[in-house]
Amino acid sequence: MESAEKISVTVTPAMARMIREKVADGSFGSASEVVRAALRALQREEEEHAERIAAIKARLKASIEDKSPSLSSSEVRARLQGLFDRQSRGNDDTAA
């Protein structure tokens, strides 16, 4: 295990109560364990956030670099209307 450094931390009364409750109910062996678990959770959350941001940036970059032809809003509407019309006709055929 990594060596430990002792520091002093100030928390709200509600946080202190939660720490004491976690120790009292046996979830953790000490207040230090509760704080370490919370810090590990924060670290995981930050890493996951960084991964989500990186994935979004990668998708944006790929989209910007995509050489496929762009569609105008009227072309998109026309294509969607065609899909809707085909779907509607398909539903009408099955109801008959």
PDB file of N, CA and C in Angstrom:
ATOM      1  N   MET A   1       0.830  -1.178   0.000  1.00  0.00           N
ATOM      2  CA  MET A   1       0.000   0.000   0.000  1.00  0.00           C
ATOM      3  C   MET A   1       0.874   1.242   0.000  1.00  0.00           C
ATOM      4  N   GLU A   2       0.388   2.268  -0.652  1.00  0.00           N
ATOM      5  CA  GLU A   2       1.093   3.535  -0.748  1.00  0.00           C
ATOM      6  C   GLU A   2       1.212   4.175   0.635  1.00  0.00           C
ATOM      7  N   SER A   3       2.307   4.891   0.866  1.00  0.00           N
ATOM      8  CA  SER A   3       2.448   5.563   2.157  1.00  0.00           C
ATOM      9  C   SER A   3       1.373   6.640   2.281  1.00  0.00           C
ATOM     10  N   ALA A   4       1.015   6.963   3.517  1.00  0.00           N
ATOM     11  CA  ALA A   4      -0.070   7.907   3.760  1.00  0.00           C
ATOM     12  C   ALA A   4       0.464   9.210   4.318  1.00  0.00           C
ATOM     13  N   GLU A   5      -0.263  10.267   4.026  1.00  0.00           N
ATOM     14  CA  GLU A   5       0.059  11.579   4.563  1.00  0.00           C
ATOM     15  C   GLU A   5      -1.141  12.060   5.358  1.00  0.00           C
ATOM     16  N   LYS A   6      -0.907  12.511   6.546  1.00  0.00           N
ATOM     17  CA  LYS A   6      -1.987  12.970   7.407  1.00  0.00           C
ATOM     18  C   LYS A   6      -2.281  14.434   7.102  1.00  0.00           C
ATOM     19  N   ILE A   7      -3.571  14.726   6.846  1.00  0.00           N
ATOM     20  CA  ILE A   7      -3.999  16.109   6.636  1.00  0.00           C
ATOM     21  C   ILE A   7      -5.255  16.360   7.453  1.00  0.00           C
ATOM     22  N   SER A   8      -5.576  17.601   7.620  1.00  0.00           N
ATOM     23  CA  SER A   8      -6.779  17.975   8.341  1.00  0.00           C
ATOM     24  C   SER A   8      -7.798  18.485   7.327  1.00  0.00           C
ATOM     25  N   VAL A   9      -9.035  18.032   7.451  1.00  0.00           N
ATOM     26  CA  VAL A   9     -10.084  18.415   6.514  1.00  0.00           C
ATOM     27  C   VAL A   9     -11.276  18.932   7.300  1.00  0.00           C
ATOM     28  N   THR A  10     -11.851  20.028   6.843  1.00  0.00           N
ATOM     29  CA  THR A  10     -13.046  20.572   7.475  1.00  0.00           C
ATOM     30  C   THR A  10     -14.249  20.224   6.601  1.00  0.00           C
ATOM     31  N   VAL A  11     -15.275  19.643   7.215  1.00  0.00           N
ATOM     32  CA  VAL A  11     -16.493  19.271   6.493  1.00  0.00           C
ATOM     33  C   VAL A  11     -17.700  19.872   7.209  1.00  0.00           C
ATOM     34  N   THR A  12     -18.814  19.887   6.501  1.00  0.00           N
ATOM     35  CA  THR A  12     -20.038  20.401   7.111  1.00  0.00           C
ATOM     36  C   THR A  12     -20.517  19.419   8.181  1.00  0.00           C
ATOM     37  N   PRO A  13     -21.367  19.864   9.079  1.00  0.00           N
ATOM     38  CA  PRO A  13     -21.912  18.942  10.082  1.00  0.00           C
ATOM     39  C   PRO A  13     -22.638  17.750   9.447  1.00  0.00           C
ATOM     40  N   ALA A  14     -23.335  17.983   8.368  1.00  0.00           N
ATOM     41  CA  ALA A  14     -24.042  16.882   7.692  1.00  0.00           C
ATOM     42  C   ALA A  14     -23.050  15.864   7.140  1.00  0.00           C
ATOM     43  N   MET A  15     -21.956  16.335   6.575  1.00  0.00           N
ATOM     44  CA  MET A  15     -20.936  15.428   6.045  1.00  0.00           C
ATOM     45  C   MET A  15     -20.279  14.650   7.182  1.00  0.00           C
ATOM     46  N   ALA A  16     -19.990  15.341   8.268  1.00  0.00           N
ATOM     47  CA  ALA A  16     -19.379  14.681   9.431  1.00  0.00           C
ATOM     48  C   ALA A  16     -20.318  13.602   9.968  1.00  0.00           C
ATOM     49  N   ARG A  17     -21.613  13.915  10.021  1.00  0.00           N
ATOM     50  CA  ARG A  17     -22.596  12.938  10.492  1.00  0.00           C
ATOM     51  C   ARG A  17     -22.624  11.717   9.563  1.00  0.00           C
ATOM     52  N   MET A  18     -22.583  11.961   8.267  1.00  0.00           N
ATOM     53  CA  MET A  18     -22.586  10.852   7.318  1.00  0.00           C
ATOM     54  C   MET A  18     -21.335   9.989   7.490  1.00  0.00           C
ATOM     55  N   ILE A  19     -20.193  10.609   7.679  1.00  0.00           N
ATOM     56  CA  ILE A  19     -18.952   9.854   7.892  1.00  0.00           C
ATOM     57  C   ILE A  19     -19.080   8.989   9.138  1.00  0.00           C
ATOM     58  N   ARG A  20     -19.544   9.593  10.236  1.00  0.00           N
ATOM     59  CA  ARG A  20     -19.702   8.836  11.483  1.00  0.00           C
ATOM     60  C   ARG A  20     -20.693   7.687  11.307  1.00  0.00           C
ATOM     61  N   GLU A  21     -21.787   7.924  10.589  1.00  0.00           N
ATOM     62  CA  GLU A  21     -22.792   6.868  10.363  1.00  0.00           C
ATOM     63  C   GLU A  21     -22.200   5.704   9.565  1.00  0.00           C
ATOM     64  N   LYS A  22     -21.393   6.014   8.559  1.00  0.00           N
ATOM     65  CA  LYS A  22     -20.772   4.964   7.740  1.00  0.00           C
ATOM     66  C   LYS A  22     -19.822   4.113   8.569  1.00  0.00           C
ATOM     67  N   VAL A  23     -19.131   4.745   9.491  1.00  0.00           N
ATOM     68  CA  VAL A  23     -18.227   3.998  10.374  1.00  0.00           C
ATOM     69  C   VAL A  23     -19.053   3.199  11.379  1.00  0.00           C
ATOM     70  N   ALA A  24     -20.074   3.824  11.950  1.00  0.00           N
ATOM     71  CA  ALA A  24     -20.900   3.169  12.975  1.00  0.00           C
ATOM     72  C   ALA A  24     -21.649   1.957  12.421  1.00  0.00           C
ATOM     73  N   ASP A  25     -22.121   2.041  11.160  1.00  0.00           N
ATOM     74  CA  ASP A  25     -22.880   0.904  10.611  1.00  0.00           C
ATOM     75  C   ASP A  25     -21.973  -0.188  10.042  1.00  0.00           C
ATOM     76  N   GLY A  26     -20.660   0.027  10.148  1.00  0.00           N
ATOM     77  CA  GLY A  26     -19.721  -1.007   9.730  1.00  0.00           C
ATOM     78  C   GLY A  26     -19.340  -0.964   8.262  1.00  0.00           C
ATOM     79  N   SER A  27     -19.859   0.016   7.538  1.00  0.00           N
ATOM     80  CA  SER A  27     -19.508   0.125   6.114  1.00  0.00           C
ATOM     81  C   SER A  27     -18.025   0.402   5.930  1.00  0.00           C
ATOM     82  N   PHE A  28     -17.448   1.153   6.861  1.00  0.00           N
ATOM     83  CA  PHE A  28     -16.040   1.511   6.810  1.00  0.00           C
ATOM     84  C   PHE A  28     -15.448   1.373   8.196  1.00  0.00           C
ATOM     85  N   GLY A  29     -14.140   1.155   8.242  1.00  0.00           N
ATOM     86  CA  GLY A  29     -13.468   0.979   9.520  1.00  0.00           C
ATOM     87  C   GLY A  29     -13.070   2.263  10.199  1.00  0.00           C
ATOM     88  N   SER A  30     -13.008   3.356   9.422  1.00  0.00           N
ATOM     89  CA  SER A  30     -12.591   4.627  10.001  1.00  0.00           C
ATOM     90  C   SER A  30     -13.075   5.772   9.118  1.00  0.00           C
ATOM     91  N   ALA A  31     -13.002   6.976   9.690  1.00  0.00           N
ATOM     92  CA  ALA A  31     -13.358   8.165   8.918  1.00  0.00           C
ATOM     93  C   ALA A  31     -12.421   8.318   7.725  1.00  0.00           C
ATOM     94  N   SER A  32     -11.171   7.952   7.915  1.00  0.00           N
ATOM     95  CA  SER A  32     -10.199   8.049   6.816  1.00  0.00           C
ATOM     96  C   SER A  32     -10.596   7.161   5.648  1.00  0.00           C
ATOM     97  N   GLU A  33     -11.092   5.961   5.942  1.00  0.00           N
ATOM     98  CA  GLU A  33     -11.528   5.061   4.871  1.00  0.00           C
ATOM     99  C   GLU A  33     -12.697   5.659   4.098  1.00  0.00           C
ATOM    100  N   VAL A  34     -13.615   6.300   4.804  1.00  0.00           N
ATOM    101  CA  VAL A  34     -14.764   6.939   4.140  1.00  0.00           C
ATOM    102  C   VAL A  34     -14.269   8.022   3.193  1.00  0.00           C
ATOM    103  N   VAL A  35     -13.372   8.857   3.675  1.00  0.00           N
ATOM    104  CA  VAL A  35     -12.856   9.954   2.854  1.00  0.00           C
ATOM    105  C   VAL A  35     -12.076   9.416   1.661  1.00  0.00           C
ATOM    106  N   ARG A  36     -11.264   8.383   1.879  1.00  0.00           N
ATOM    107  CA  ARG A  36     -10.509   7.796   0.754  1.00  0.00           C
ATOM    108  C   ARG A  36     -11.459   7.222  -0.292  1.00  0.00           C
ATOM    109  N   ALA A  37     -12.526   6.549   0.143  1.00  0.00           N
ATOM    110  CA  ALA A  37     -13.505   5.997  -0.800  1.00  0.00           C
ATOM    111  C   ALA A  37     -14.182   7.121  -1.583  1.00  0.00           C
ATOM    112  N   ALA A  38     -14.504   8.207  -0.906  1.00  0.00           N
ATOM    113  CA  ALA A  38     -15.133   9.341  -1.585  1.00  0.00           C
ATOM    114  C   ALA A  38     -14.185   9.950  -2.615  1.00  0.00           C
ATOM    115  N   LEU A  39     -12.913  10.046  -2.271  1.00  0.00           N
ATOM    116  CA  LEU A  39     -11.934  10.595  -3.210  1.00  0.00           C
ATOM    117  C   LEU A  39     -11.731   9.675  -4.412  1.00  0.00           C
ATOM    118  N   ARG A  40     -11.743   8.355  -4.160  1.00  0.00           N
ATOM    119  CA  ARG A  40     -11.639   7.413  -5.291  1.00  0.00           C
ATOM    120  C   ARG A  40     -12.845   7.551  -6.206  1.00  0.00           C
ATOM    121  N   ALA A  41     -14.036   7.721  -5.629  1.00  0.00           N
ATOM    122  CA  ALA A  41     -15.250   7.901  -6.429  1.00  0.00           C
ATOM    123  C   ALA A  41     -15.157   9.190  -7.248  1.00  0.00           C
ATOM    124  N   LEU A  42     -14.666  10.258  -6.643  1.00  0.00           N
ATOM    125  CA  LEU A  42     -14.482  11.521  -7.355  1.00  0.00           C
ATOM    126  C   LEU A  42     -13.494  11.348  -8.502  1.00  0.00           C
ATOM    127  N   GLN A  43     -12.418  10.623  -8.243  1.00  0.00           N
ATOM    128  CA  GLN A  43     -11.415  10.399  -9.285  1.00  0.00           C
ATOM    129  C   GLN A  43     -12.016   9.620 -10.456  1.00  0.00           C
ATOM    130  N   ARG A  44     -12.793   8.550 -10.147  1.00  0.00           N
ATOM    131  CA  ARG A  44     -13.455   7.782 -11.205  1.00  0.00           C
ATOM    132  C   ARG A  44     -14.405   8.665 -12.004  1.00  0.00           C
ATOM    133  N   GLU A  45     -15.178   9.498 -11.301  1.00  0.00           N
ATOM    134  CA  GLU A  45     -16.125  10.391 -11.964  1.00  0.00           C
ATOM    135  C   GLU A  45     -15.403  11.357 -12.905  1.00  0.00           C
ATOM    136  N   GLU A  46     -14.300  11.915 -12.445  1.00  0.00           N
ATOM    137  CA  GLU A  46     -13.526  12.835 -13.282  1.00  0.00           C
ATOM    138  C   GLU A  46     -12.935  12.128 -14.498  1.00  0.00           C
ATOM    139  N   GLU A  47     -12.463  10.893 -14.316  1.00  0.00           N
ATOM    140  CA  GLU A  47     -11.909  10.128 -15.435  1.00  0.00           C
ATOM    141  C   GLU A  47     -12.999   9.805 -16.450  1.00  0.00           C
ATOM    142  N   GLU A  48     -14.181   9.401 -15.965  1.00  0.00           N
ATOM    143  CA  GLU A  48     -15.295   9.101 -16.864  1.00  0.00           C
ATOM    144  C   GLU A  48     -15.728  10.349 -17.620  1.00  0.00           C
ATOM    145  N   HIS A  49     -15.754  11.477 -16.933  1.00  0.00           N
ATOM    146  CA  HIS A  49     -16.113  12.738 -17.582  1.00  0.00           C
ATOM    147  C   HIS A  49     -15.102  13.071 -18.681  1.00  0.00           C
ATOM    148  N   ALA A  50     -13.825  12.918 -18.376  1.00  0.00           N
ATOM    149  CA  ALA A  50     -12.772  13.195 -19.365  1.00  0.00           C
ATOM    150  C   ALA A  50     -12.916  12.266 -20.573  1.00  0.00           C
ATOM    151  N   GLU A  51     -13.268  11.004 -20.325  1.00  0.00           N
ATOM    152  CA  GLU A  51     -13.469  10.055 -21.427  1.00  0.00           C
ATOM    153  C   GLU A  51     -14.659  10.462 -22.283  1.00  0.00           C
ATOM    154  N   ARG A  52     -15.761  10.902 -21.636  1.00  0.00           N
ATOM    155  CA  ARG A  52     -16.936  11.350 -22.399  1.00  0.00           C
ATOM    156  C   ARG A  52     -16.602  12.570 -23.248  1.00  0.00           C
ATOM    157  N   ILE A  53     -15.865  13.512 -22.674  1.00  0.00           N
ATOM    158  CA  ILE A  53     -15.472  14.715 -23.417  1.00  0.00           C
ATOM    159  C   ILE A  53     -14.575  14.337 -24.597  1.00  0.00           C
ATOM    160  N   ALA A  54     -13.635  13.432 -24.377  1.00  0.00           N
ATOM    161  CA  ALA A  54     -12.745  12.997 -25.461  1.00  0.00           C
ATOM    162  C   ALA A  54     -13.541  12.327 -26.569  1.00  0.00           C
ATOM    163  N   ALA A  55     -14.537  11.509 -26.210  1.00  0.00           N
ATOM    164  CA  ALA A  55     -15.365  10.839 -27.215  1.00  0.00           C
ATOM    165  C   ALA A  55     -16.183  11.855 -28.004  1.00  0.00           C
ATOM    166  N   ILE A  56     -16.723  12.849 -27.323  1.00  0.00           N
ATOM    167  CA  ILE A  56     -17.490  13.898 -28.013  1.00  0.00           C
ATOM    168  C   ILE A  56     -16.586  14.663 -28.971  1.00  0.00           C
ATOM    169  N   LYS A  57     -15.391  15.014 -28.500  1.00  0.00           N
ATOM    170  CA  LYS A  57     -14.448  15.734 -29.359  1.00  0.00           C
ATOM    171  C   LYS A  57     -14.064  14.902 -30.579  1.00  0.00           C
ATOM    172  N   ALA A  58     -13.881  13.605 -30.376  1.00  0.00           N
ATOM    173  CA  ALA A  58     -13.522  12.731 -31.493  1.00  0.00           C
ATOM    174  C   ALA A  58     -14.664  12.665 -32.516  1.00  0.00           C
ATOM    175  N   ARG A  59     -15.897  12.567 -32.014  1.00  0.00           N
ATOM    176  CA  ARG A  59     -17.044  12.542 -32.933  1.00  0.00           C
ATOM    177  C   ARG A  59     -17.180  13.861 -33.679  1.00  0.00           C
ATOM    178  N   LEU A  60     -16.951  14.970 -32.981  1.00  0.00           N
ATOM    179  CA  LEU A  60     -17.015  16.271 -33.639  1.00  0.00           C
ATOM    180  C   LEU A  60     -15.943  16.390 -34.716  1.00  0.00           C
ATOM    181  N   LYS A  61     -14.738  15.951 -34.378  1.00  0.00           N
ATOM    182  CA  LYS A  61     -13.630  16.022 -35.339  1.00  0.00           C
ATOM    183  C   LYS A  61     -13.946  15.169 -36.561  1.00  0.00           C
ATOM    184  N   ALA A  62     -14.459  13.962 -36.318  1.00  0.00           N
ATOM    185  CA  ALA A  62     -14.805  13.079 -37.438  1.00  0.00           C
ATOM    186  C   ALA A  62     -15.903  13.703 -38.284  1.00  0.00           C
ATOM    187  N   SER A  63     -16.857  14.338 -37.648  1.00  0.00           N
ATOM    188  CA  SER A  63     -17.946  14.972 -38.381  1.00  0.00           C
ATOM    189  C   SER A  63     -17.435  16.131 -39.229  1.00  0.00           C
ATOM    190  N   ILE A  64     -16.553  16.932 -38.652  1.00  0.00           N
ATOM    191  CA  ILE A  64     -15.992  18.076 -39.376  1.00  0.00           C
ATOM    192  C   ILE A  64     -15.154  17.602 -40.556  1.00  0.00           C
ATOM    193  N   GLU A  65     -14.420  16.503 -40.355  1.00  0.00           N
ATOM    194  CA  GLU A  65     -13.541  16.000 -41.409  1.00  0.00           C
ATOM    195  C   GLU A  65     -14.275  15.126 -42.427  1.00  0.00           C
ATOM    196  N   ASP A  66     -15.531  14.798 -42.167  1.00  0.00           N
ATOM    197  CA  ASP A  66     -16.318  13.940 -43.062  1.00  0.00           C
ATOM    198  C   ASP A  66     -16.521  14.660 -44.393  1.00  0.00           C
ATOM    199  N   LYS A  67     -16.140  14.009 -45.467  1.00  0.00           N
ATOM    200  CA  LYS A  67     -16.234  14.606 -46.799  1.00  0.00           C
ATOM    201  C   LYS A  67     -17.560  14.262 -47.488  1.00  0.00           C
ATOM    202  N   SER A  68     -18.440  13.575 -46.795  1.00  0.00           N
ATOM    203  CA  SER A  68     -19.745  13.254 -47.380  1.00  0.00           C
ATOM    204  C   SER A  68     -20.480  14.545 -47.690  1.00  0.00           C
ATOM    205  N   PRO A  69     -21.293  14.514 -48.737  1.00  0.00           N
ATOM    206  CA  PRO A  69     -22.020  15.741 -49.073  1.00  0.00           C
ATOM    207  C   PRO A  69     -23.004  16.115 -47.964  1.00  0.00           C
ATOM    208  N   SER A  70     -23.088  17.393 -47.698  1.00  0.00           N
ATOM    209  CA  SER A  70     -24.027  17.885 -46.699  1.00  0.00           C
ATOM    210  C   SER A  70     -25.406  18.023 -47.333  1.00  0.00           C
ATOM    211  N   LEU A  71     -26.433  17.921 -46.523  1.00  0.00           N
ATOM    212  CA  LEU A  71     -27.799  18.079 -47.009  1.00  0.00           C
ATOM    213  C   LEU A  71     -28.371  19.379 -46.474  1.00  0.00           C
ATOM    214  N   SER A  72     -29.147  20.037 -47.301  1.00  0.00           N
ATOM    215  CA  SER A  72     -29.836  21.235 -46.845  1.00  0.00           C
ATOM    216  C   SER A  72     -31.014  20.811 -45.979  1.00  0.00           C
ATOM    217  N   SER A  73     -31.578  21.755 -45.252  1.00  0.00           N
ATOM    218  CA  SER A  73     -32.723  21.425 -44.405  1.00  0.00           C
ATOM    219  C   SER A  73     -33.902  20.941 -45.249  1.00  0.00           C
ATOM    220  N   SER A  74     -34.079  21.500 -46.434  1.00  0.00           N
ATOM    221  CA  SER A  74     -35.194  21.050 -47.282  1.00  0.00           C
ATOM    222  C   SER A  74     -34.947  19.624 -47.786  1.00  0.00           C
ATOM    223  N   GLU A  75     -33.697  19.273 -48.064  1.00  0.00           N
ATOM    224  CA  GLU A  75     -33.390  17.903 -48.473  1.00  0.00           C
ATOM    225  C   GLU A  75     -33.640  16.923 -47.327  1.00  0.00           C
ATOM    226  N   VAL A  76     -33.273  17.307 -46.124  1.00  0.00           N
ATOM    227  CA  VAL A  76     -33.516  16.464 -44.954  1.00  0.00           C
ATOM    228  C   VAL A  76     -35.012  16.266 -44.777  1.00  0.00           C
ATOM    229  N   ARG A  77     -35.783  17.369 -44.853  1.00  0.00           N
ATOM    230  CA  ARG A  77     -37.244  17.282 -44.716  1.00  0.00           C
ATOM    231  C   ARG A  77     -37.834  16.351 -45.764  1.00  0.00           C
ATOM    232  N   ALA A  78     -37.380  16.480 -47.000  1.00  0.00           N
ATOM    233  CA  ALA A  78     -37.902  15.649 -48.090  1.00  0.00           C
ATOM    234  C   ALA A  78     -37.585  14.172 -47.843  1.00  0.00           C
ATOM    235  N   ARG A  79     -36.366  13.886 -47.411  1.00  0.00           N
ATOM    236  CA  ARG A  79     -36.003  12.490 -47.133  1.00  0.00           C
ATOM    237  C   ARG A  79     -36.816  11.926 -45.976  1.00  0.00           C
ATOM    238  N   LEU A  80     -36.984  12.734 -44.928  1.00  0.00           N
ATOM    239  CA  LEU A  80     -37.784  12.276 -43.784  1.00  0.00           C
ATOM    240  C   LEU A  80     -39.240  12.075 -44.186  1.00  0.00           C
ATOM    241  N   GLN A  81     -39.765  12.965 -45.011  1.00  0.00           N
ATOM    242  CA  GLN A  81     -41.152  12.813 -45.467  1.00  0.00           C
ATOM    243  C   GLN A  81     -41.299  11.532 -46.288  1.00  0.00           C
ATOM    244  N   GLY A  82     -40.301  11.240 -47.129  1.00  0.00           N
ATOM    245  CA  GLY A  82     -40.329  10.003 -47.904  1.00  0.00           C
ATOM    246  C   GLY A  82     -40.322   8.776 -47.001  1.00  0.00           C
ATOM    247  N   LEU A  83     -39.469   8.798 -45.967  1.00  0.00           N
ATOM    248  CA  LEU A  83     -39.449   7.683 -45.017  1.00  0.00           C
ATOM    249  C   LEU A  83     -40.789   7.548 -44.305  1.00  0.00           C
ATOM    250  N   PHE A  84     -41.359   8.675 -43.895  1.00  0.00           N
ATOM    251  CA  PHE A  84     -42.648   8.660 -43.214  1.00  0.00           C
ATOM    252  C   PHE A  84     -43.735   8.108 -44.141  1.00  0.00           C
ATOM    253  N   ASP A  85     -43.726   8.565 -45.396  1.00  0.00           N
ATOM    254  CA  ASP A  85     -44.732   8.090 -46.356  1.00  0.00           C
ATOM    255  C   ASP A  85     -44.611   6.582 -46.572  1.00  0.00           C
ATOM    256  N   ARG A  86     -43.383   6.095 -46.721  1.00  0.00           N
ATOM    257  CA  ARG A  86     -43.193   4.643 -46.925  1.00  0.00           C
ATOM    258  C   ARG A  86     -43.649   3.870 -45.691  1.00  0.00           C
ATOM    259  N   GLN A  87     -43.338   4.393 -44.513  1.00  0.00           N
ATOM    260  CA  GLN A  87     -43.749   3.741 -43.268  1.00  0.00           C
ATOM    261  C   GLN A  87     -45.275   3.724 -43.167  1.00  0.00           C
ATOM    262  N   SER A  88     -45.906   4.833 -43.512  1.00  0.00           N
ATOM    263  CA  SER A  88     -47.372   4.920 -43.446  1.00  0.00           C
ATOM    264  C   SER A  88     -48.014   3.943 -44.424  1.00  0.00           C
ATOM    265  N   ARG A  89     -47.472   3.857 -45.621  1.00  0.00           N
ATOM    266  CA  ARG A  89     -48.021   2.907 -46.619  1.00  0.00           C
ATOM    267  C   ARG A  89     -47.854   1.480 -46.127  1.00  0.00           C
ATOM    268  N   GLY A  90     -46.728   1.202 -45.511  1.00  0.00           N
ATOM    269  CA  GLY A  90     -46.492  -0.141 -44.981  1.00  0.00           C
ATOM    270  C   GLY A  90     -47.489  -0.483 -43.898  1.00  0.00           C
ATOM    271  N   ASN A  91     -47.815   0.444 -43.037  1.00  0.00           N
ATOM    272  CA  ASN A  91     -48.796   0.214 -41.980  1.00  0.00           C
ATOM    273  C   ASN A  91     -50.197   0.051 -42.558  1.00  0.00           C
ATOM    274  N   ASP A  92     -50.506   0.799 -43.631  1.00  0.00           N
ATOM    275  CA  ASP A  92     -51.831   0.670 -44.256  1.00  0.00           C
ATOM    276  C   ASP A  92     -52.004  -0.692 -44.891  1.00  0.00           C
ATOM    277  N   ASP A  93     -50.911  -1.234 -45.486  1.00  0.00           N
ATOM    278  CA  ASP A  93     -50.981  -2.542 -46.149  1.00  0.00           C
ATOM    279  C   ASP A  93     -51.239  -3.648 -45.134  1.00  0.00           C
ATOM    280  N   THR A  94     -50.673  -3.560 -43.971  1.00  0.00           N
ATOM    281  CA  THR A  94     -50.833  -4.613 -42.981  1.00  0.00           C
ATOM    282  C   THR A  94     -52.185  -4.559 -42.310  1.00  0.00           C
ATOM    283  N   ALA A  95     -52.835  -3.397 -42.324  1.00  0.00           N
ATOM    284  CA  ALA A  95     -54.149  -3.267 -41.683  1.00  0.00           C
ATOM    285  C   ALA A  95     -55.240  -3.811 -42.557  1.00  0.00           C
ATOM    286  N   ALA A  96     -55.030  -3.939 -43.857  1.00  0.00           N
ATOM    287  CA  ALA A  96     -56.090  -4.376 -44.795  1.00  0.00           C
ATOM    288  C   ALA A  96     -56.346  -5.847 -44.722  1.00  0.00           C
TER     289      ALA A  96
END
